[in-house]
Amino acid sequence: MSENIIKINNLKKSFGNLSVLKNIDFHVDKGEVITIIGSSGSGKSTLLRCINLLETPDDGEILYHGKDILKGEININVHRTHVGMVFQSFNLFNNKNVLENCMIGQVKVLKRSKEEAKQKALYYLEKVGMLEFANAGSTQLSGGQKQRVAIARALCMEPEVLLFDEPTSALDPEMVGGILDVMKQLAKEGLTMIVVTHEMAFAKDVSTRVIFMDKGVIAEEGTPTELFDHPKQERTKEFLHRYRTAS
């Protein structure tokens, strides 16, 4: 029987008078790759930011292994080591080189020795194809290289779940394939992932489940075959048709 790592019940979030998330319910099982698709402004990124506690929901529950992380009894930094996040804008430290970017969280939060942190960093940099850039300044890298480093940095914390917030949206088109290849490999290795993306081919090929969000609600969810080939909701059909026409 699958184990719920994350379970979300009746989650709500507003910014002022704008209701961004409305009664969101879903769960994530170990080893799943869940992609979240939908138009800009549908609440996808806000949902990820709530799971990572970068935003505080107004109501509802976010259960991590059955414990509600919104109850205020958890250490946020420790939670983020279990549930890591890769951002669309990389968020690297510009004053540190690639290796240092991958070591700092390990030393400060996980309390690893510098030597252990360095070995982990080198291991994960090699995994994403960035080992030769270990001593490069982060400002010297291309966007695709920065995103690879950002993924390596997140992996260094050895999270149980990794959240990706549109990881390819800030990249030039020729950089996108390389990042998606890294993510496909992580999925193949069994890493539990929640990915907000506009890359429909990736969502179709790699997901165990796809969630379509519209105006702050989960309008439809299912396997890639169910959602892409046999969508039930008119809004889902309209979104996919528009996407196919645009691409």
C-alpha atoms as a PDB file:
ATOM      1  CA  MET A   1       0.000   0.000   0.000  1.00  0.00           C
ATOM      2  CA  SER A   2       1.312   3.456  -0.916  1.00  0.00           C
ATOM      3  CA  GLU A   3       2.285   5.807   1.841  1.00  0.00           C
ATOM      4  CA  ASN A   4       1.098   9.421   1.774  1.00  0.00           C
ATOM      5  CA  ILE A   5       4.170  11.582   2.268  1.00  0.00           C
ATOM      6  CA  ILE A   6       2.153  14.780   1.872  1.00  0.00           C
ATOM      7  CA  LYS A   7      -1.597  15.151   2.247  1.00  0.00           C
ATOM      8  CA  ILE A   8      -3.348  18.463   1.740  1.00  0.00           C
ATOM      9  CA  ASN A   9      -6.840  19.081   3.065  1.00  0.00           C
ATOM     10  CA  ASN A  10      -9.089  22.048   2.284  1.00  0.00           C
ATOM     11  CA  LEU A  11      -6.183  24.448   1.693  1.00  0.00           C
ATOM     12  CA  LYS A  12      -7.037  28.117   1.162  1.00  0.00           C
ATOM     13  CA  LYS A  13      -4.891  31.144   0.437  1.00  0.00           C
ATOM     14  CA  SER A  14      -5.799  34.727  -0.424  1.00  0.00           C
ATOM     15  CA  PHE A  15      -3.762  37.832  -1.139  1.00  0.00           C
ATOM     16  CA  GLY A  16      -5.970  40.713  -0.066  1.00  0.00           C
ATOM     17  CA  ASN A  17      -9.297  40.253  -1.826  1.00  0.00           C
ATOM     18  CA  LEU A  18      -7.846  37.830  -4.358  1.00  0.00           C
ATOM     19  CA  SER A  19      -8.587  34.200  -3.540  1.00  0.00           C
ATOM     20  CA  VAL A  20      -5.650  32.240  -5.013  1.00  0.00           C
ATOM     21  CA  LEU A  21      -6.236  28.757  -3.571  1.00  0.00           C
ATOM     22  CA  LYS A  22      -9.742  27.469  -2.842  1.00  0.00           C
ATOM     23  CA  ASN A  23     -10.334  24.240  -0.939  1.00  0.00           C
ATOM     24  CA  ILE A  24      -7.369  22.351  -2.374  1.00  0.00           C
ATOM     25  CA  ASP A  25      -7.258  18.610  -1.589  1.00  0.00           C
ATOM     26  CA  PHE A  26      -4.612  16.221  -2.854  1.00  0.00           C
ATOM     27  CA  HIS A  27      -1.940  13.805  -1.725  1.00  0.00           C
ATOM     28  CA  VAL A  28       1.540  12.743  -2.753  1.00  0.00           C
ATOM     29  CA  ASP A  29       2.715   9.155  -2.384  1.00  0.00           C
ATOM     30  CA  LYS A  30       6.292   7.959  -2.162  1.00  0.00           C
ATOM     31  CA  GLY A  31       7.964   7.782  -5.573  1.00  0.00           C
ATOM     32  CA  GLU A  32       5.263   9.733  -7.397  1.00  0.00           C
ATOM     33  CA  VAL A  33       6.017  12.429  -9.938  1.00  0.00           C
ATOM     34  CA  ILE A  34       3.097  14.834  -9.912  1.00  0.00           C
ATOM     35  CA  THR A  35       3.010  17.606 -12.470  1.00  0.00           C
ATOM     36  CA  ILE A  36       0.771  20.617 -12.004  1.00  0.00           C
ATOM     37  CA  ILE A  37      -0.333  22.399 -15.167  1.00  0.00           C
ATOM     38  CA  GLY A  38      -2.633  25.335 -15.838  1.00  0.00           C
ATOM     39  CA  SER A  39      -2.715  28.939 -16.983  1.00  0.00           C
ATOM     40  CA  SER A  40      -0.635  31.629 -15.309  1.00  0.00           C
ATOM     41  CA  GLY A  41      -2.408  32.865 -12.198  1.00  0.00           C
ATOM     42  CA  SER A  42      -4.204  29.576 -11.541  1.00  0.00           C
ATOM     43  CA  GLY A  43      -2.472  29.122  -8.158  1.00  0.00           C
ATOM     44  CA  LYS A  44       0.147  26.525  -9.107  1.00  0.00           C
ATOM     45  CA  SER A  45       3.236  28.284  -7.728  1.00  0.00           C
ATOM     46  CA  THR A  46       1.377  29.492  -4.643  1.00  0.00           C
ATOM     47  CA  LEU A  47       0.453  25.896  -3.866  1.00  0.00           C
ATOM     48  CA  LEU A  48       4.120  24.846  -4.022  1.00  0.00           C
ATOM     49  CA  ARG A  49       5.150  27.797  -1.886  1.00  0.00           C
ATOM     50  CA  CYS A  50       2.595  26.784   0.746  1.00  0.00           C
ATOM     51  CA  ILE A  51       3.928  23.210   0.818  1.00  0.00           C
ATOM     52  CA  ASN A  52       7.436  24.614   1.375  1.00  0.00           C
ATOM     53  CA  LEU A  53       6.125  27.196   3.908  1.00  0.00           C
ATOM     54  CA  LEU A  54       7.307  30.145   1.826  1.00  0.00           C
ATOM     55  CA  GLU A  55       3.663  31.237   2.035  1.00  0.00           C
ATOM     56  CA  THR A  56       1.354  30.695   4.990  1.00  0.00           C
ATOM     57  CA  PRO A  57      -2.085  29.362   4.014  1.00  0.00           C
ATOM     58  CA  ASP A  58      -5.169  30.997   5.495  1.00  0.00           C
ATOM     59  CA  ASP A  59      -6.898  27.712   6.275  1.00  0.00           C
ATOM     60  CA  GLY A  60      -6.605  23.962   5.843  1.00  0.00           C
ATOM     61  CA  GLU A  61      -3.991  21.324   6.596  1.00  0.00           C
ATOM     62  CA  ILE A  62      -0.685  20.275   5.073  1.00  0.00           C
ATOM     63  CA  LEU A  63       0.216  16.905   6.539  1.00  0.00           C
ATOM     64  CA  TYR A  64       3.787  15.650   6.201  1.00  0.00           C
ATOM     65  CA  HIS A  65       3.832  12.012   7.281  1.00  0.00           C
ATOM     66  CA  GLY A  66       0.580  12.671   9.104  1.00  0.00           C
ATOM     67  CA  LYS A  67       1.791  15.735  11.025  1.00  0.00           C
ATOM     68  CA  ASP A  68       0.263  19.122  10.218  1.00  0.00           C
ATOM     69  CA  ILE A  69       3.163  21.450   9.378  1.00  0.00           C
ATOM     70  CA  LEU A  70       0.906  24.494   9.859  1.00  0.00           C
ATOM     71  CA  LYS A  71       0.532  23.930  13.592  1.00  0.00           C
ATOM     72  CA  GLY A  72       3.671  25.929  14.352  1.00  0.00           C
ATOM     73  CA  GLU A  73       5.480  23.129  16.138  1.00  0.00           C
ATOM     74  CA  ILE A  74       7.955  22.452  13.355  1.00  0.00           C
ATOM     75  CA  ASN A  75      11.307  23.935  12.450  1.00  0.00           C
ATOM     76  CA  ILE A  76      10.811  25.514   9.013  1.00  0.00           C
ATOM     77  CA  ASN A  77      14.452  25.086   7.968  1.00  0.00           C
ATOM     78  CA  VAL A  78      14.365  21.405   8.902  1.00  0.00           C
ATOM     79  CA  HIS A  79      11.081  20.968   6.999  1.00  0.00           C
ATOM     80  CA  ARG A  80      12.731  22.456   3.907  1.00  0.00           C
ATOM     81  CA  THR A  81      15.500  19.866   4.092  1.00  0.00           C
ATOM     82  CA  HIS A  82      12.813  17.163   3.813  1.00  0.00           C
ATOM     83  CA  VAL A  83      10.774  19.040   1.207  1.00  0.00           C
ATOM     84  CA  GLY A  84      13.242  20.905  -0.997  1.00  0.00           C
ATOM     85  CA  MET A  85      12.531  23.406  -3.738  1.00  0.00           C
ATOM     86  CA  VAL A  86      14.039  24.426  -7.065  1.00  0.00           C
ATOM     87  CA  PHE A  87      12.982  27.895  -8.226  1.00  0.00           C
ATOM     88  CA  GLN A  88      12.556  29.300 -11.719  1.00  0.00           C
ATOM     89  CA  SER A  89      15.034  32.093 -10.924  1.00  0.00           C
ATOM     90  CA  PHE A  90      17.788  29.792  -9.551  1.00  0.00           C
ATOM     91  CA  ASN A  91      18.330  31.813  -6.308  1.00  0.00           C
ATOM     92  CA  LEU A  92      22.067  31.106  -6.151  1.00  0.00           C
ATOM     93  CA  PHE A  93      24.367  33.175  -3.939  1.00  0.00           C
ATOM     94  CA  ASN A  94      26.232  35.420  -6.385  1.00  0.00           C
ATOM     95  CA  ASN A  95      29.108  35.989  -3.946  1.00  0.00           C
ATOM     96  CA  LYS A  96      29.858  32.263  -3.690  1.00  0.00           C
ATOM     97  CA  ASN A  97      31.206  29.794  -6.196  1.00  0.00           C
ATOM     98  CA  VAL A  98      29.337  26.706  -7.359  1.00  0.00           C
ATOM     99  CA  LEU A  99      30.809  24.391  -4.724  1.00  0.00           C
ATOM    100  CA  GLU A 100      30.134  26.860  -1.897  1.00  0.00           C
ATOM    101  CA  ASN A 101      26.523  27.260  -3.060  1.00  0.00           C
ATOM    102  CA  CYS A 102      26.087  23.506  -2.686  1.00  0.00           C
ATOM    103  CA  MET A 103      27.823  23.318   0.699  1.00  0.00           C
ATOM    104  CA  ILE A 104      26.342  26.205   2.670  1.00  0.00           C
ATOM    105  CA  GLY A 105      22.935  24.672   3.469  1.00  0.00           C
ATOM    106  CA  GLN A 106      24.480  21.363   4.437  1.00  0.00           C
ATOM    107  CA  VAL A 107      26.853  22.992   6.921  1.00  0.00           C
ATOM    108  CA  LYS A 108      24.409  25.523   8.377  1.00  0.00           C
ATOM    109  CA  VAL A 109      21.214  23.463   8.533  1.00  0.00           C
ATOM    110  CA  LEU A 110      22.271  19.807   8.477  1.00  0.00           C
ATOM    111  CA  LYS A 111      25.404  20.546  10.570  1.00  0.00           C
ATOM    112  CA  ARG A 112      27.577  18.435   8.299  1.00  0.00           C
ATOM    113  CA  SER A 113      31.331  18.922   8.469  1.00  0.00           C
ATOM    114  CA  LYS A 114      32.815  20.968   5.634  1.00  0.00           C
ATOM    115  CA  GLU A 115      34.575  17.895   4.291  1.00  0.00           C
ATOM    116  CA  GLU A 116      31.384  15.795   4.242  1.00  0.00           C
ATOM    117  CA  ALA A 117      29.457  18.693   2.703  1.00  0.00           C
ATOM    118  CA  LYS A 118      32.129  19.062   0.033  1.00  0.00           C
ATOM    119  CA  GLN A 119      32.022  15.359  -0.880  1.00  0.00           C
ATOM    120  CA  LYS A 120      28.202  15.430  -1.131  1.00  0.00           C
ATOM    121  CA  ALA A 121      28.370  18.602  -3.229  1.00  0.00           C
ATOM    122  CA  LEU A 122      30.892  17.094  -5.643  1.00  0.00           C
ATOM    123  CA  TYR A 123      28.784  13.941  -5.933  1.00  0.00           C
ATOM    124  CA  TYR A 124      25.599  15.820  -6.832  1.00  0.00           C
ATOM    125  CA  LEU A 125      27.380  18.292  -9.106  1.00  0.00           C
ATOM    126  CA  GLU A 126      28.686  15.328 -11.066  1.00  0.00           C
ATOM    127  CA  LYS A 127      25.150  13.889 -11.165  1.00  0.00           C
ATOM    128  CA  VAL A 128      23.814  17.022 -12.898  1.00  0.00           C
ATOM    129  CA  GLY A 129      26.846  17.397 -15.192  1.00  0.00           C
ATOM    130  CA  MET A 130      28.398  20.407 -13.429  1.00  0.00           C
ATOM    131  CA  LEU A 131      31.442  18.929 -11.688  1.00  0.00           C
ATOM    132  CA  GLU A 132      33.919  20.755 -13.930  1.00  0.00           C
ATOM    133  CA  PHE A 133      32.369  24.070 -12.859  1.00  0.00           C
ATOM    134  CA  ALA A 134      32.732  23.423  -9.102  1.00  0.00           C
ATOM    135  CA  ASN A 135      35.119  26.341  -8.614  1.00  0.00           C
ATOM    136  CA  ALA A 136      33.428  28.723 -11.038  1.00  0.00           C
ATOM    137  CA  GLY A 137      31.681  31.836  -9.789  1.00  0.00           C
ATOM    138  CA  SER A 138      27.929  31.478 -10.036  1.00  0.00           C
ATOM    139  CA  THR A 139      27.681  34.726 -12.044  1.00  0.00           C
ATOM    140  CA  GLN A 140      29.858  33.201 -14.776  1.00  0.00           C
ATOM    141  CA  LEU A 141      27.311  30.493 -15.593  1.00  0.00           C
ATOM    142  CA  SER A 142      24.601  30.360 -18.230  1.00  0.00           C
ATOM    143  CA  GLY A 143      20.977  30.083 -17.146  1.00  0.00           C
ATOM    144  CA  GLY A 144      20.906  26.349 -17.831  1.00  0.00           C
ATOM    145  CA  GLN A 145      24.108  25.834 -15.848  1.00  0.00           C
ATOM    146  CA  LYS A 146      22.720  27.865 -12.937  1.00  0.00           C
ATOM    147  CA  GLN A 147      19.598  25.711 -12.871  1.00  0.00           C
ATOM    148  CA  ARG A 148      21.689  22.535 -12.834  1.00  0.00           C
ATOM    149  CA  VAL A 149      23.595  23.921  -9.849  1.00  0.00           C
ATOM    150  CA  ALA A 150      20.323  24.858  -8.161  1.00  0.00           C
ATOM    151  CA  ILE A 151      19.108  21.263  -8.592  1.00  0.00           C
ATOM    152  CA  ALA A 152      22.411  19.908  -7.246  1.00  0.00           C
ATOM    153  CA  ARG A 153      22.166  22.244  -4.256  1.00  0.00           C
ATOM    154  CA  ALA A 154      18.653  20.987  -3.490  1.00  0.00           C
ATOM    155  CA  LEU A 155      19.780  17.357  -3.861  1.00  0.00           C
ATOM    156  CA  CYS A 156      22.681  17.939  -1.455  1.00  0.00           C
ATOM    157  CA  MET A 157      20.116  18.272   1.326  1.00  0.00           C
ATOM    158  CA  GLU A 158      18.863  14.793   0.330  1.00  0.00           C
ATOM    159  CA  PRO A 159      15.174  15.737   0.507  1.00  0.00           C
ATOM    160  CA  GLU A 160      12.389  13.184   0.559  1.00  0.00           C
ATOM    161  CA  VAL A 161      10.330  15.344  -1.809  1.00  0.00           C
ATOM    162  CA  LEU A 162      11.607  17.896  -4.310  1.00  0.00           C
ATOM    163  CA  LEU A 163       9.378  20.697  -5.556  1.00  0.00           C
ATOM    164  CA  PHE A 164      10.118  22.322  -8.922  1.00  0.00           C
ATOM    165  CA  ASP A 165       8.518  25.706  -9.624  1.00  0.00           C
ATOM    166  CA  GLU A 166       8.604  26.142 -13.415  1.00  0.00           C
ATOM    167  CA  PRO A 167      12.301  25.214 -13.496  1.00  0.00           C
ATOM    168  CA  THR A 168      12.675  25.851 -17.238  1.00  0.00           C
ATOM    169  CA  SER A 169      10.623  29.035 -17.656  1.00  0.00           C
ATOM    170  CA  ALA A 170      13.585  31.423 -17.284  1.00  0.00           C
ATOM    171  CA  LEU A 171      15.779  29.477 -19.707  1.00  0.00           C
ATOM    172  CA  ASP A 172      16.541  29.920 -23.390  1.00  0.00           C
ATOM    173  CA  PRO A 173      14.789  27.198 -25.420  1.00  0.00           C
ATOM    174  CA  GLU A 174      18.027  25.332 -26.170  1.00  0.00           C
ATOM    175  CA  MET A 175      18.748  25.010 -22.424  1.00  0.00           C
ATOM    176  CA  VAL A 176      15.383  23.460 -21.554  1.00  0.00           C
ATOM    177  CA  GLY A 177      16.056  19.924 -22.792  1.00  0.00           C
ATOM    178  CA  GLY A 178      19.125  19.471 -20.596  1.00  0.00           C
ATOM    179  CA  ILE A 179      17.262  20.422 -17.425  1.00  0.00           C
ATOM    180  CA  LEU A 180      14.328  18.168 -18.300  1.00  0.00           C
ATOM    181  CA  ASP A 181      16.775  15.303 -18.886  1.00  0.00           C
ATOM    182  CA  VAL A 182      18.189  15.770 -15.383  1.00  0.00           C
ATOM    183  CA  MET A 183      14.663  15.749 -13.948  1.00  0.00           C
ATOM    184  CA  LYS A 184      13.699  12.648 -15.949  1.00  0.00           C
ATOM    185  CA  GLN A 185      16.711  10.845 -14.521  1.00  0.00           C
ATOM    186  CA  LEU A 186      15.745  11.831 -10.957  1.00  0.00           C
ATOM    187  CA  ALA A 187      12.214  10.539 -11.612  1.00  0.00           C
ATOM    188  CA  LYS A 188      13.634   7.274 -12.948  1.00  0.00           C
ATOM    189  CA  GLU A 189      15.661   6.906  -9.735  1.00  0.00           C
ATOM    190  CA  GLY A 190      12.466   7.142  -7.690  1.00  0.00           C
ATOM    191  CA  LEU A 191      12.700  10.652  -6.245  1.00  0.00           C
ATOM    192  CA  THR A 192       9.288  11.946  -5.183  1.00  0.00           C
ATOM    193  CA  MET A 193       8.665  15.160  -7.148  1.00  0.00           C
ATOM    194  CA  ILE A 194       5.977  17.812  -7.567  1.00  0.00           C
ATOM    195  CA  VAL A 195       6.602  19.849 -10.699  1.00  0.00           C
ATOM    196  CA  VAL A 196       4.821  23.012 -11.797  1.00  0.00           C
ATOM    197  CA  THR A 197       5.512  23.218 -15.516  1.00  0.00           C
ATOM    198  CA  HIS A 198       4.411  24.432 -18.930  1.00  0.00           C
ATOM    199  CA  GLU A 199       6.363  21.586 -20.552  1.00  0.00           C
ATOM    200  CA  MET A 200       3.465  19.378 -21.598  1.00  0.00           C
ATOM    201  CA  ALA A 201       5.587  16.675 -23.224  1.00  0.00           C
ATOM    202  CA  PHE A 202       7.512  16.271 -19.968  1.00  0.00           C
ATOM    203  CA  ALA A 203       4.252  16.126 -17.991  1.00  0.00           C
ATOM    204  CA  LYS A 204       2.891  13.475 -20.340  1.00  0.00           C
ATOM    205  CA  ASP A 205       6.051  11.336 -20.404  1.00  0.00           C
ATOM    206  CA  VAL A 206       7.248  11.455 -16.800  1.00  0.00           C
ATOM    207  CA  SER A 207       4.253  11.995 -14.511  1.00  0.00           C
ATOM    208  CA  THR A 208       2.495   9.366 -12.502  1.00  0.00           C
ATOM    209  CA  ARG A 209      -0.319  11.910 -12.070  1.00  0.00           C
ATOM    210  CA  VAL A 210      -1.170  15.251 -13.643  1.00  0.00           C
ATOM    211  CA  ILE A 211      -3.142  17.966 -11.880  1.00  0.00           C
ATOM    212  CA  PHE A 212      -4.825  20.704 -13.903  1.00  0.00           C
ATOM    213  CA  MET A 213      -5.458  23.858 -11.871  1.00  0.00           C
ATOM    214  CA  ASP A 214      -7.820  26.611 -12.922  1.00  0.00           C
ATOM    215  CA  LYS A 215      -8.705  29.773 -10.982  1.00  0.00           C
ATOM    216  CA  GLY A 216      -7.446  28.432  -7.668  1.00  0.00           C
ATOM    217  CA  VAL A 217      -9.041  24.997  -7.755  1.00  0.00           C
ATOM    218  CA  ILE A 218      -8.001  21.553  -8.934  1.00  0.00           C
ATOM    219  CA  ALA A 219     -10.278  21.299 -11.961  1.00  0.00           C
ATOM    220  CA  GLU A 220      -9.170  17.815 -12.944  1.00  0.00           C
ATOM    221  CA  GLU A 221      -6.524  15.227 -12.150  1.00  0.00           C
ATOM    222  CA  GLY A 222      -5.581  11.816 -13.435  1.00  0.00           C
ATOM    223  CA  THR A 223      -2.900   9.776 -15.129  1.00  0.00           C
ATOM    224  CA  PRO A 224      -1.212  11.433 -18.127  1.00  0.00           C
ATOM    225  CA  THR A 225      -3.294   9.252 -20.459  1.00  0.00           C
ATOM    226  CA  GLU A 226      -6.526  10.193 -18.706  1.00  0.00           C
ATOM    227  CA  LEU A 227      -5.822  13.892 -18.585  1.00  0.00           C
ATOM    228  CA  PHE A 228      -4.151  14.476 -21.943  1.00  0.00           C
ATOM    229  CA  ASP A 229      -6.007  11.954 -24.081  1.00  0.00           C
ATOM    230  CA  HIS A 230      -9.417  11.795 -22.374  1.00  0.00           C
ATOM    231  CA  PRO A 231      -9.992  15.039 -20.421  1.00  0.00           C
ATOM    232  CA  LYS A 232     -13.433  15.209 -18.815  1.00  0.00           C
ATOM    233  CA  GLN A 233     -13.792  18.903 -17.993  1.00  0.00           C
ATOM    234  CA  GLU A 234     -14.481  21.498 -20.683  1.00  0.00           C
ATOM    235  CA  ARG A 235     -11.945  23.842 -19.111  1.00  0.00           C
ATOM    236  CA  THR A 236      -9.241  21.159 -19.332  1.00  0.00           C
ATOM    237  CA  LYS A 237     -10.091  20.486 -22.975  1.00  0.00           C
ATOM    238  CA  GLU A 238      -9.962  24.204 -23.734  1.00  0.00           C
ATOM    239  CA  PHE A 239      -6.584  24.651 -22.013  1.00  0.00           C
ATOM    240  CA  LEU A 240      -5.024  21.663 -23.775  1.00  0.00           C
ATOM    241  CA  HIS A 241      -6.451  22.700 -27.140  1.00  0.00           C
ATOM    242  CA  ARG A 242      -5.049  26.201 -26.730  1.00  0.00           C
ATOM    243  CA  TYR A 243      -1.695  24.806 -25.708  1.00  0.00           C
ATOM    244  CA  ARG A 244      -1.541  22.429 -28.688  1.00  0.00           C
ATOM    245  CA  THR A 245      -2.551  25.219 -31.058  1.00  0.00           C
ATOM    246  CA  ALA A 246       0.126  27.537 -29.630  1.00  0.00           C
ATOM    247  CA  SER A 247       2.842  24.900 -29.879  1.00  0.00           C
END
